[in-house]
Amino acid sequence: MSLSIGLPAPVVNVGTVASSGGASAVSGEQERESPLLTPVQQTSASGGKKGSGLGKAVDTLVDRLADLHEQLRRLRQELKAALSSPQPDIVRLPRILSLQRQIMVTNSDIQLVSGLLVSTLSRMTLPGVRATA
């Protein structure tokens, strides 16, 4: 199942969200930064993906949402493997905590992109649909 959504370029801001929090659980662990919306990169990276016909921003949001869901699936697999690892708890615990934090950040990114998508779609006037007040 494929869904594509696009916003006009002026509406889409390009930026990153650095995860919040204090000291990291593992020394030397780098803070994860996830690009929220990168219309130019996403549309060129999507390559053979079909557009929705609803615009570039909608397509960008849908592609980003698909990427986030894939990342979440991968993180959950890594967490499952870390939980069943035969290593001692002192070795496993920092990795488990780090993965849980990354999962929470990815979930919040999914909520943000989903909200942008819903907001964008609610503002659009589709052909054949009349807005009544």
N, C-alpha and C. Protein backbone atom coordinates (compact mmCIF):
# COMPACT_ATOMS: atom_id res chain seq x y z
N MET A 1 0.85 -1.17 0.00
CA MET A 1 0.00 0.00 0.00
C MET A 1 0.89 1.23 0.00
N SER A 2 0.60 2.14 -0.88
CA SER A 2 1.42 3.33 -1.01
C SER A 2 0.55 4.57 -0.92
N LEU A 3 1.02 5.56 -0.20
CA LEU A 3 0.32 6.82 -0.06
C LEU A 3 1.35 7.92 -0.22
N SER A 4 1.04 8.89 -1.01
CA SER A 4 1.96 10.01 -1.22
C SER A 4 1.25 11.32 -0.95
N ILE A 5 1.97 12.24 -0.33
CA ILE A 5 1.39 13.53 0.03
C ILE A 5 2.41 14.63 -0.25
N GLY A 6 1.99 15.84 -0.65
CA GLY A 6 2.92 16.94 -0.92
C GLY A 6 2.39 18.29 -0.48
N LEU A 7 3.26 19.12 0.06
CA LEU A 7 2.93 20.48 0.47
C LEU A 7 3.63 21.46 -0.45
N PRO A 8 3.07 22.65 -0.62
CA PRO A 8 3.80 23.66 -1.38
C PRO A 8 5.13 23.95 -0.68
N ALA A 9 6.16 24.19 -1.45
CA ALA A 9 7.50 24.37 -0.90
C ALA A 9 7.59 25.40 0.21
N PRO A 10 6.91 26.55 0.14
CA PRO A 10 7.04 27.53 1.21
C PRO A 10 6.53 27.02 2.56
N VAL A 11 5.63 26.04 2.56
CA VAL A 11 5.07 25.53 3.80
C VAL A 11 6.04 24.58 4.49
N VAL A 12 6.86 23.88 3.73
CA VAL A 12 7.76 22.88 4.28
C VAL A 12 9.06 23.54 4.72
N ASN A 13 9.38 23.38 5.99
CA ASN A 13 10.64 23.89 6.51
C ASN A 13 11.64 22.75 6.58
N VAL A 14 12.86 23.04 6.19
CA VAL A 14 13.91 22.04 6.27
C VAL A 14 14.64 22.27 7.58
N GLY A 15 14.80 21.20 8.36
CA GLY A 15 15.48 21.35 9.63
C GLY A 15 15.72 20.02 10.28
N THR A 16 16.36 20.05 11.43
CA THR A 16 16.60 18.83 12.18
C THR A 16 16.13 19.05 13.60
N VAL A 17 15.79 17.95 14.23
CA VAL A 17 15.42 17.99 15.63
C VAL A 17 16.44 17.16 16.38
N ALA A 18 17.16 17.78 17.25
CA ALA A 18 18.11 17.04 18.08
C ALA A 18 17.35 16.53 19.27
N SER A 19 17.60 15.29 19.63
CA SER A 19 16.89 14.72 20.75
C SER A 19 17.23 15.48 22.03
N SER A 20 16.23 15.63 22.87
CA SER A 20 16.46 16.36 24.11
C SER A 20 16.93 15.40 25.18
N GLY A 21 17.44 15.93 26.23
CA GLY A 21 17.88 15.10 27.34
C GLY A 21 19.23 15.56 27.84
N GLY A 22 19.58 15.05 29.00
CA GLY A 22 20.85 15.43 29.61
C GLY A 22 21.97 14.51 29.17
N ALA A 23 22.68 14.00 30.16
CA ALA A 23 23.83 13.14 29.87
C ALA A 23 23.36 11.84 29.24
N SER A 24 24.15 11.32 28.35
CA SER A 24 23.76 10.08 27.68
C SER A 24 24.11 8.88 28.56
N ALA A 25 23.41 7.79 28.31
CA ALA A 25 23.60 6.58 29.11
C ALA A 25 24.96 5.95 28.85
N VAL A 26 25.46 6.09 27.68
CA VAL A 26 26.74 5.49 27.32
C VAL A 26 27.72 6.62 27.04
N SER A 27 28.89 6.55 27.65
CA SER A 27 29.86 7.62 27.40
C SER A 27 30.30 7.55 25.95
N GLY A 28 30.38 8.69 25.32
CA GLY A 28 30.79 8.74 23.92
C GLY A 28 29.64 8.54 22.96
N GLU A 29 28.44 8.32 23.46
CA GLU A 29 27.29 8.12 22.57
C GLU A 29 26.93 9.46 21.94
N GLN A 30 26.74 9.46 20.65
CA GLN A 30 26.40 10.70 19.96
C GLN A 30 24.90 10.88 19.98
N GLU A 31 24.48 12.12 20.10
CA GLU A 31 23.06 12.43 20.06
C GLU A 31 22.56 12.20 18.64
N ARG A 32 21.41 11.58 18.53
CA ARG A 32 20.83 11.28 17.24
C ARG A 32 20.11 12.51 16.73
N GLU A 33 20.37 12.87 15.50
CA GLU A 33 19.64 13.95 14.86
C GLU A 33 18.90 13.36 13.68
N SER A 34 17.62 13.66 13.60
CA SER A 34 16.84 13.12 12.49
C SER A 34 16.33 14.26 11.63
N PRO A 35 16.59 14.20 10.33
CA PRO A 35 16.05 15.24 9.47
C PRO A 35 14.54 15.09 9.39
N LEU A 36 13.82 16.18 9.62
CA LEU A 36 12.36 16.09 9.57
C LEU A 36 11.87 16.09 8.14
N LEU A 37 12.11 17.15 7.44
CA LEU A 37 11.63 17.25 6.08
C LEU A 37 12.73 17.80 5.20
N THR A 38 13.03 17.09 4.18
CA THR A 38 14.00 17.57 3.21
C THR A 38 13.41 17.32 1.84
N PRO A 39 12.55 18.23 1.36
CA PRO A 39 11.82 18.00 0.11
C PRO A 39 12.72 17.69 -1.07
N VAL A 40 13.81 18.42 -1.20
CA VAL A 40 14.68 18.20 -2.36
C VAL A 40 15.33 16.83 -2.28
N GLN A 41 15.87 16.48 -1.12
CA GLN A 41 16.53 15.19 -0.96
C GLN A 41 15.52 14.05 -1.06
N GLN A 42 14.37 14.20 -0.41
CA GLN A 42 13.40 13.12 -0.40
C GLN A 42 12.87 12.83 -1.80
N THR A 43 12.57 13.87 -2.56
CA THR A 43 12.00 13.63 -3.87
C THR A 43 13.04 13.05 -4.81
N SER A 44 14.29 13.46 -4.67
CA SER A 44 15.32 12.88 -5.53
C SER A 44 15.68 11.48 -5.07
N ALA A 45 15.59 11.23 -3.76
CA ALA A 45 15.93 9.91 -3.25
C ALA A 45 14.82 8.90 -3.52
N SER A 46 13.59 9.39 -3.68
CA SER A 46 12.48 8.46 -3.88
C SER A 46 12.57 7.76 -5.23
N GLY A 47 13.28 8.36 -6.17
CA GLY A 47 13.55 7.71 -7.44
C GLY A 47 12.30 7.25 -8.15
N GLY A 48 12.06 5.94 -8.13
CA GLY A 48 10.97 5.37 -8.89
C GLY A 48 9.63 5.40 -8.20
N LYS A 49 9.53 5.98 -7.02
CA LYS A 49 8.26 6.01 -6.31
C LYS A 49 7.27 6.89 -7.06
N LYS A 50 6.02 6.44 -7.06
CA LYS A 50 4.96 7.21 -7.71
C LYS A 50 4.50 8.32 -6.78
N GLY A 51 4.15 9.44 -7.37
CA GLY A 51 3.60 10.54 -6.60
C GLY A 51 2.11 10.36 -6.42
N SER A 52 1.55 11.08 -5.48
CA SER A 52 0.12 10.97 -5.20
C SER A 52 -0.70 11.88 -6.10
N GLY A 53 -0.04 12.85 -6.70
CA GLY A 53 -0.77 13.85 -7.45
C GLY A 53 -1.30 14.95 -6.55
N LEU A 54 -0.96 14.90 -5.27
CA LEU A 54 -1.41 15.90 -4.32
C LEU A 54 -0.34 16.95 -4.03
N GLY A 55 0.80 16.82 -4.65
CA GLY A 55 1.85 17.81 -4.48
C GLY A 55 3.12 17.24 -3.90
N LYS A 56 4.18 18.02 -4.05
CA LYS A 56 5.51 17.58 -3.63
C LYS A 56 5.61 17.45 -2.11
N ALA A 57 5.00 18.36 -1.37
CA ALA A 57 5.10 18.32 0.09
C ALA A 57 4.39 17.10 0.66
N VAL A 58 3.24 16.76 0.11
CA VAL A 58 2.52 15.57 0.57
C VAL A 58 3.35 14.33 0.28
N ASP A 59 3.93 14.26 -0.91
CA ASP A 59 4.80 13.13 -1.26
C ASP A 59 5.98 13.05 -0.30
N THR A 60 6.56 14.19 0.03
CA THR A 60 7.70 14.23 0.95
C THR A 60 7.32 13.72 2.33
N LEU A 61 6.17 14.16 2.83
CA LEU A 61 5.72 13.72 4.15
C LEU A 61 5.45 12.22 4.18
N VAL A 62 4.83 11.71 3.14
CA VAL A 62 4.53 10.28 3.10
C VAL A 62 5.82 9.46 3.02
N ASP A 63 6.76 9.91 2.20
CA ASP A 63 8.04 9.21 2.11
C ASP A 63 8.77 9.23 3.44
N ARG A 64 8.74 10.38 4.11
CA ARG A 64 9.41 10.49 5.42
C ARG A 64 8.73 9.59 6.44
N LEU A 65 7.42 9.51 6.40
CA LEU A 65 6.68 8.65 7.31
C LEU A 65 7.03 7.19 7.08
N ALA A 66 7.14 6.79 5.83
CA ALA A 66 7.54 5.41 5.51
C ALA A 66 8.95 5.12 6.02
N ASP A 67 9.86 6.08 5.85
CA ASP A 67 11.23 5.90 6.35
C ASP A 67 11.26 5.77 7.87
N LEU A 68 10.46 6.58 8.55
CA LEU A 68 10.41 6.51 10.01
C LEU A 68 9.85 5.19 10.50
N HIS A 69 8.84 4.67 9.83
CA HIS A 69 8.28 3.38 10.22
C HIS A 69 9.29 2.26 10.01
N GLU A 70 10.05 2.34 8.94
CA GLU A 70 11.10 1.34 8.70
C GLU A 70 12.19 1.44 9.77
N GLN A 71 12.56 2.65 10.13
CA GLN A 71 13.57 2.85 11.17
C GLN A 71 13.06 2.31 12.51
N LEU A 72 11.80 2.54 12.82
CA LEU A 72 11.21 2.04 14.06
C LEU A 72 11.22 0.52 14.09
N ARG A 73 10.89 -0.10 12.97
CA ARG A 73 10.91 -1.56 12.89
C ARG A 73 12.32 -2.10 13.16
N ARG A 74 13.32 -1.45 12.55
CA ARG A 74 14.71 -1.88 12.73
C ARG A 74 15.16 -1.71 14.18
N LEU A 75 14.80 -0.58 14.80
CA LEU A 75 15.17 -0.34 16.20
C LEU A 75 14.53 -1.37 17.13
N ARG A 76 13.29 -1.72 16.86
CA ARG A 76 12.62 -2.73 17.69
C ARG A 76 13.29 -4.09 17.57
N GLN A 77 13.73 -4.42 16.36
CA GLN A 77 14.46 -5.68 16.18
C GLN A 77 15.77 -5.66 16.96
N GLU A 78 16.48 -4.54 16.91
CA GLU A 78 17.74 -4.41 17.65
C GLU A 78 17.49 -4.51 19.16
N LEU A 79 16.41 -3.91 19.64
CA LEU A 79 16.08 -3.97 21.06
C LEU A 79 15.77 -5.41 21.47
N LYS A 80 15.03 -6.11 20.65
CA LYS A 80 14.70 -7.51 20.95
C LYS A 80 15.98 -8.34 21.03
N ALA A 81 16.91 -8.11 20.11
CA ALA A 81 18.19 -8.84 20.13
C ALA A 81 19.01 -8.47 21.36
N ALA A 82 19.00 -7.19 21.74
CA ALA A 82 19.76 -6.75 22.91
C ALA A 82 19.19 -7.33 24.20
N LEU A 83 17.87 -7.46 24.26
CA LEU A 83 17.24 -8.02 25.45
C LEU A 83 17.55 -9.50 25.62
N SER A 84 17.71 -10.21 24.52
CA SER A 84 17.98 -11.65 24.60
C SER A 84 19.47 -11.98 24.53
N SER A 85 20.32 -10.97 24.57
CA SER A 85 21.76 -11.16 24.49
C SER A 85 22.28 -11.86 25.76
N PRO A 86 23.25 -12.77 25.60
CA PRO A 86 23.80 -13.48 26.76
C PRO A 86 24.84 -12.66 27.54
N GLN A 87 25.12 -11.44 27.10
CA GLN A 87 26.10 -10.60 27.79
C GLN A 87 25.60 -10.22 29.18
N PRO A 88 26.53 -9.88 30.08
CA PRO A 88 26.10 -9.46 31.42
C PRO A 88 25.29 -8.16 31.37
N ASP A 89 24.47 -7.96 32.39
CA ASP A 89 23.60 -6.78 32.43
C ASP A 89 24.36 -5.47 32.34
N ILE A 90 25.54 -5.41 32.91
CA ILE A 90 26.32 -4.17 32.90
C ILE A 90 26.71 -3.78 31.48
N VAL A 91 26.79 -4.75 30.59
CA VAL A 91 27.12 -4.49 29.19
C VAL A 91 25.85 -4.21 28.38
N ARG A 92 24.78 -4.96 28.67
CA ARG A 92 23.54 -4.84 27.90
C ARG A 92 22.74 -3.59 28.22
N LEU A 93 22.71 -3.21 29.49
CA LEU A 93 21.82 -2.14 29.94
C LEU A 93 22.02 -0.80 29.20
N PRO A 94 23.25 -0.31 29.03
CA PRO A 94 23.40 0.96 28.30
C PRO A 94 22.85 0.88 26.87
N ARG A 95 23.07 -0.24 26.19
CA ARG A 95 22.56 -0.40 24.82
C ARG A 95 21.04 -0.44 24.81
N ILE A 96 20.46 -1.15 25.76
CA ILE A 96 19.01 -1.26 25.86
C ILE A 96 18.39 0.12 26.11
N LEU A 97 18.98 0.87 27.03
CA LEU A 97 18.46 2.21 27.33
C LEU A 97 18.59 3.14 26.13
N SER A 98 19.70 3.03 25.42
CA SER A 98 19.91 3.85 24.23
C SER A 98 18.87 3.53 23.15
N LEU A 99 18.62 2.24 22.94
CA LEU A 99 17.63 1.84 21.94
C LEU A 99 16.23 2.31 22.33
N GLN A 100 15.90 2.20 23.61
CA GLN A 100 14.58 2.66 24.06
C GLN A 100 14.42 4.16 23.82
N ARG A 101 15.47 4.92 24.08
CA ARG A 101 15.44 6.36 23.85
C ARG A 101 15.25 6.66 22.37
N GLN A 102 15.98 5.95 21.51
CA GLN A 102 15.85 6.15 20.07
C GLN A 102 14.45 5.80 19.58
N ILE A 103 13.86 4.76 20.15
CA ILE A 103 12.50 4.37 19.79
C ILE A 103 11.51 5.47 20.19
N MET A 104 11.69 6.04 21.38
CA MET A 104 10.80 7.12 21.81
C MET A 104 10.93 8.34 20.90
N VAL A 105 12.15 8.69 20.50
CA VAL A 105 12.36 9.84 19.62
C VAL A 105 11.74 9.56 18.25
N THR A 106 11.92 8.34 17.74
CA THR A 106 11.34 7.98 16.45
C THR A 106 9.82 8.03 16.51
N ASN A 107 9.24 7.54 17.61
CA ASN A 107 7.78 7.62 17.77
C ASN A 107 7.30 9.06 17.77
N SER A 108 8.03 9.95 18.43
CA SER A 108 7.60 11.35 18.44
C SER A 108 7.76 11.98 17.05
N ASP A 109 8.80 11.58 16.31
CA ASP A 109 8.95 12.05 14.93
C ASP A 109 7.78 11.59 14.07
N ILE A 110 7.35 10.34 14.26
CA ILE A 110 6.21 9.80 13.51
C ILE A 110 4.95 10.61 13.82
N GLN A 111 4.75 10.93 15.10
CA GLN A 111 3.58 11.73 15.48
C GLN A 111 3.64 13.11 14.84
N LEU A 112 4.81 13.72 14.83
CA LEU A 112 4.96 15.05 14.24
C LEU A 112 4.67 15.04 12.75
N VAL A 113 5.27 14.10 12.03
CA VAL A 113 5.07 14.03 10.58
C VAL A 113 3.62 13.67 10.26
N SER A 114 3.03 12.78 11.05
CA SER A 114 1.62 12.43 10.84
C SER A 114 0.72 13.65 11.04
N GLY A 115 1.02 14.44 12.06
CA GLY A 115 0.25 15.66 12.30
C GLY A 115 0.39 16.66 11.16
N LEU A 116 1.61 16.81 10.65
CA LEU A 116 1.82 17.69 9.50
C LEU A 116 1.04 17.20 8.29
N LEU A 117 1.03 15.89 8.10
CA LEU A 117 0.33 15.29 6.98
C LEU A 117 -1.18 15.54 7.08
N VAL A 118 -1.74 15.30 8.25
CA VAL A 118 -3.17 15.52 8.46
C VAL A 118 -3.51 17.00 8.27
N SER A 119 -2.68 17.86 8.84
CA SER A 119 -2.90 19.30 8.70
C SER A 119 -2.86 19.74 7.24
N THR A 120 -1.89 19.22 6.52
CA THR A 120 -1.74 19.56 5.11
C THR A 120 -2.93 19.08 4.30
N LEU A 121 -3.34 17.86 4.53
CA LEU A 121 -4.47 17.31 3.78
C LEU A 121 -5.77 18.05 4.11
N SER A 122 -5.92 18.48 5.36
CA SER A 122 -7.16 19.17 5.73
C SER A 122 -7.24 20.55 5.10
N ARG A 123 -6.11 21.14 4.75
CA ARG A 123 -6.10 22.47 4.12
C ARG A 123 -6.26 22.42 2.61
N MET A 124 -6.11 21.25 2.05
CA MET A 124 -6.16 21.13 0.59
C MET A 124 -7.59 21.11 0.11
N THR A 125 -7.82 21.72 -1.04
CA THR A 125 -9.11 21.63 -1.72
C THR A 125 -8.91 20.71 -2.91
N LEU A 126 -9.53 19.56 -2.83
CA LEU A 126 -9.39 18.57 -3.89
C LEU A 126 -10.37 18.87 -5.02
N PRO A 127 -10.01 18.52 -6.25
CA PRO A 127 -10.91 18.74 -7.38
C PRO A 127 -12.25 18.02 -7.15
N GLY A 128 -13.33 18.71 -7.39
CA GLY A 128 -14.65 18.11 -7.24
C GLY A 128 -15.20 18.18 -5.83
N VAL A 129 -14.42 18.72 -4.89
CA VAL A 129 -14.88 18.83 -3.50
C VAL A 129 -15.05 20.31 -3.18
N ARG A 130 -16.24 20.67 -2.71
CA ARG A 130 -16.51 22.06 -2.39
C ARG A 130 -16.45 22.26 -0.88
N ALA A 131 -15.74 23.28 -0.45
CA ALA A 131 -15.67 23.59 0.98
C ALA A 131 -16.88 24.44 1.34
N THR A 132 -17.61 24.03 2.37
CA THR A 132 -18.76 24.80 2.81
C THR A 132 -18.53 25.26 4.24
N ALA A 133 -19.00 26.47 4.53
CA ALA A 133 -18.79 27.01 5.88
C ALA A 133 -20.06 26.96 6.68
